[in-house]
Amino acid sequence: MLRHWYKILTRDCTVIKANGYTVYPIHRVGFTSLMHAADATYTNSEISGLQHIDVLIRDPEERFISGVNEYARQNNYNVLDVYEKVKNQDFVDTHFIPQYFWLMNLYRFFRGEITIRPFSFIANITDVHMRKDESRVDLHPLENFTEVDAEIIRKTTVQKRYHIKDFIKAYRHVLS
């Protein structure tokens, strides 16, 4: 299951400052809108100097469906063909891997505190909605892409600060 997911752990990590918030943009969690609203960006080693980062988390099933559709759209592939490759564990992409893996990538560069925010919190950061009129093919979400994020949503107190190290440790068991 995890054999291809290392990709997220080796890519650049970017955090933005927008409307007074320091935010970690995640694909299919307002990424394009947040990047559009950014007043400043911090990449890789620049992130280590930050004290606190807000992390928006989207419903994992919605994000998975949206992410597979977005990957297919961007690459001019048939959505159902992409879905079959994902289902057969032949392919993964940052648009639909668990948001937890994005947090693991952030942890490579950041050792401070995070606040988990619901996706709706994006309205506090920007009123830009870059991709609101997209059409999509409905798919059945795959548990190995949604389970860890669903547990985070179930067990996390929204608006509470967490030390990222403790947060990463608290949910790694879901991946085994």
Protein backbone atom coordinates (compact mmCIF):
# COMPACT_ATOMS: atom_id res chain seq x y z
CA MET A 1 0.00 0.00 0.00
CA LEU A 2 2.70 2.51 0.93
CA ARG A 3 5.23 1.61 -1.76
CA HIS A 4 4.50 4.62 -4.00
CA TRP A 5 3.57 7.14 -1.34
CA TYR A 6 7.16 8.13 -0.60
CA LYS A 7 6.82 10.75 -3.37
CA ILE A 8 5.23 13.24 -1.00
CA LEU A 9 8.03 12.76 1.52
CA THR A 10 10.70 13.83 -0.94
CA ARG A 11 9.08 16.83 -2.58
CA ASP A 12 9.54 20.47 -1.69
CA CYS A 13 7.43 21.78 1.15
CA THR A 14 5.81 25.22 0.95
CA VAL A 15 4.01 27.22 3.62
CA ILE A 16 2.33 30.54 2.90
CA LYS A 17 1.36 33.67 4.78
CA ALA A 18 -2.05 35.03 3.76
CA ASN A 19 -4.41 37.45 5.52
CA GLY A 20 -2.48 37.16 8.77
CA TYR A 21 -2.43 33.34 8.81
CA THR A 22 0.52 31.04 8.22
CA VAL A 23 -0.93 28.09 6.31
CA TYR A 24 0.30 24.81 4.85
CA PRO A 25 -1.49 24.40 1.48
CA ILE A 26 -2.42 20.81 0.58
CA HIS A 27 -3.56 19.73 -2.89
CA ARG A 28 -7.37 19.63 -3.13
CA VAL A 29 -7.72 21.52 0.14
CA GLY A 30 -7.84 24.99 -1.37
CA PHE A 31 -4.24 24.78 -2.60
CA THR A 32 -4.70 26.93 -5.72
CA SER A 33 -6.83 29.52 -3.93
CA LEU A 34 -4.39 29.73 -1.00
CA MET A 35 -1.39 30.08 -3.29
CA HIS A 36 -3.22 32.82 -5.17
CA ALA A 37 -3.87 34.66 -1.88
CA ALA A 38 -0.31 34.27 -0.56
CA ASP A 39 1.47 37.40 0.64
CA ALA A 40 4.67 35.42 1.33
CA THR A 41 5.92 31.88 0.81
CA TYR A 42 8.39 29.82 2.81
CA THR A 43 10.05 26.76 1.33
CA ASN A 44 11.88 23.86 2.96
CA SER A 45 14.52 25.18 5.39
CA GLU A 46 12.77 28.58 5.62
CA ILE A 47 9.85 26.83 7.32
CA SER A 48 11.93 25.85 10.35
CA GLY A 49 11.90 29.43 11.65
CA LEU A 50 8.10 29.58 11.85
CA GLN A 51 6.40 29.22 15.23
CA HIS A 52 2.92 28.07 14.25
CA ILE A 53 1.18 26.79 11.11
CA ASP A 54 -2.52 26.34 10.37
CA VAL A 55 -3.39 23.16 8.48
CA LEU A 56 -6.74 22.87 6.74
CA ILE A 57 -8.13 19.33 6.55
CA ARG A 58 -10.82 18.38 4.05
CA ASP A 59 -13.26 15.50 4.31
CA PRO A 60 -11.07 12.62 3.07
CA GLU A 61 -13.69 10.96 0.87
CA GLU A 62 -14.55 14.23 -0.89
CA ARG A 63 -10.87 15.02 -1.31
CA PHE A 64 -10.10 11.59 -2.74
CA ILE A 65 -12.85 11.85 -5.36
CA SER A 66 -11.88 15.42 -6.19
CA GLY A 67 -8.19 14.52 -6.33
CA VAL A 68 -8.56 11.60 -8.74
CA ASN A 69 -10.75 13.76 -10.97
CA GLU A 70 -8.27 16.65 -10.84
CA TYR A 71 -5.29 14.45 -11.67
CA ALA A 72 -7.17 13.01 -14.66
CA ARG A 73 -8.22 16.49 -15.79
CA GLN A 74 -4.73 17.96 -15.54
CA ASN A 75 -3.19 15.07 -17.45
CA ASN A 76 -5.99 14.54 -19.97
CA TYR A 77 -6.71 10.99 -18.76
CA ASN A 78 -9.98 9.18 -18.37
CA VAL A 79 -11.04 9.42 -14.71
CA LEU A 80 -12.13 5.77 -14.53
CA ASP A 81 -8.80 4.60 -15.98
CA VAL A 82 -6.92 6.59 -13.33
CA TYR A 83 -9.23 5.23 -10.62
CA GLU A 84 -8.55 1.62 -11.70
CA LYS A 85 -4.78 2.20 -11.50
CA VAL A 86 -5.17 3.72 -8.05
CA LYS A 87 -7.44 0.87 -6.93
CA ASN A 88 -4.87 -1.69 -8.14
CA GLN A 89 -2.15 0.18 -6.23
CA ASP A 90 -0.30 0.94 -9.46
CA PHE A 91 -0.40 4.70 -9.06
CA VAL A 92 -0.60 7.51 -6.49
CA ASP A 93 -0.45 11.28 -6.69
CA THR A 94 -0.31 14.20 -4.28
CA HIS A 95 -3.86 15.21 -5.24
CA PHE A 96 -5.38 12.25 -3.42
CA ILE A 97 -2.86 10.62 -1.06
CA PRO A 98 -3.82 11.08 2.59
CA GLN A 99 -3.40 14.54 4.02
CA TYR A 100 -1.45 12.84 6.82
CA PHE A 101 1.39 12.25 4.33
CA TRP A 102 1.43 15.97 3.63
CA LEU A 103 1.85 16.52 7.38
CA MET A 104 4.73 14.03 7.41
CA ASN A 105 6.38 16.08 4.67
CA LEU A 106 5.86 19.26 6.71
CA TYR A 107 7.46 17.52 9.69
CA ARG A 108 10.70 17.12 7.71
CA PHE A 109 11.17 20.90 7.95
CA PHE A 110 9.03 22.07 10.88
CA ARG A 111 9.11 21.16 14.57
CA GLY A 112 6.67 23.72 15.99
CA GLU A 113 2.95 23.80 16.64
CA ILE A 114 0.11 23.28 14.20
CA THR A 115 -3.59 23.95 14.45
CA ILE A 116 -5.87 21.63 12.52
CA ARG A 117 -8.67 23.60 10.92
CA PRO A 118 -11.74 22.41 9.02
CA PHE A 119 -11.69 23.06 5.29
CA SER A 120 -14.40 25.70 5.78
CA PHE A 121 -11.82 27.81 7.64
CA ILE A 122 -10.45 28.82 4.25
CA ALA A 123 -13.13 31.56 4.20
CA ASN A 124 -11.16 33.31 6.97
CA ILE A 125 -8.06 33.35 4.79
CA THR A 126 -9.35 34.12 1.31
CA ASP A 127 -12.60 34.64 -0.55
CA VAL A 128 -10.99 33.42 -3.77
CA HIS A 129 -12.36 30.11 -5.02
CA MET A 130 -10.30 29.20 -8.04
CA ARG A 131 -11.93 25.91 -9.04
CA LYS A 132 -15.54 26.04 -7.88
CA ASP A 133 -17.24 25.08 -11.15
CA GLU A 134 -15.41 21.84 -11.93
CA SER A 135 -17.38 18.85 -13.12
CA ARG A 136 -16.46 15.44 -11.75
CA VAL A 137 -17.09 11.75 -12.01
CA ASP A 138 -18.36 10.20 -8.77
CA LEU A 139 -16.16 7.39 -7.48
CA HIS A 140 -16.16 5.09 -4.48
CA PRO A 141 -13.46 6.37 -2.06
CA LEU A 142 -10.75 3.82 -1.25
CA GLU A 143 -10.22 3.18 2.44
CA ASN A 144 -6.42 3.07 2.27
CA PHE A 145 -6.55 6.66 0.98
CA THR A 146 -9.10 7.94 3.49
CA GLU A 147 -8.78 6.00 6.74
CA VAL A 148 -5.97 7.94 8.44
CA ASP A 149 -7.50 11.31 7.58
CA ALA A 150 -10.93 10.15 8.77
CA GLU A 151 -9.38 9.17 12.10
CA ILE A 152 -7.66 12.55 12.37
CA ILE A 153 -11.02 14.27 11.84
CA ARG A 154 -12.74 11.98 14.36
CA LYS A 155 -10.14 12.36 17.11
CA THR A 156 -8.73 15.85 16.67
CA THR A 157 -10.04 18.82 18.56
CA VAL A 158 -10.38 21.48 15.89
CA GLN A 159 -8.86 24.86 16.73
CA LYS A 160 -6.51 23.29 19.32
CA ARG A 161 -2.75 23.61 18.95
CA TYR A 162 -0.71 20.44 18.66
CA HIS A 163 3.03 19.92 18.56
CA ILE A 164 3.58 18.43 15.12
CA LYS A 165 5.82 15.64 16.45
CA ASP A 166 3.08 14.44 18.81
CA PHE A 167 0.50 14.72 16.06
CA ILE A 168 2.54 12.60 13.63
CA LYS A 169 3.12 9.94 16.29
CA ALA A 170 -0.55 9.83 17.30
CA TYR A 171 -1.77 8.70 13.86
CA ARG A 172 1.04 6.61 12.36
CA HIS A 173 -0.54 3.39 13.71
CA VAL A 174 -3.44 3.81 11.28
CA LEU A 175 -1.08 3.21 8.36
CA SER A 176 0.02 -0.24 9.49
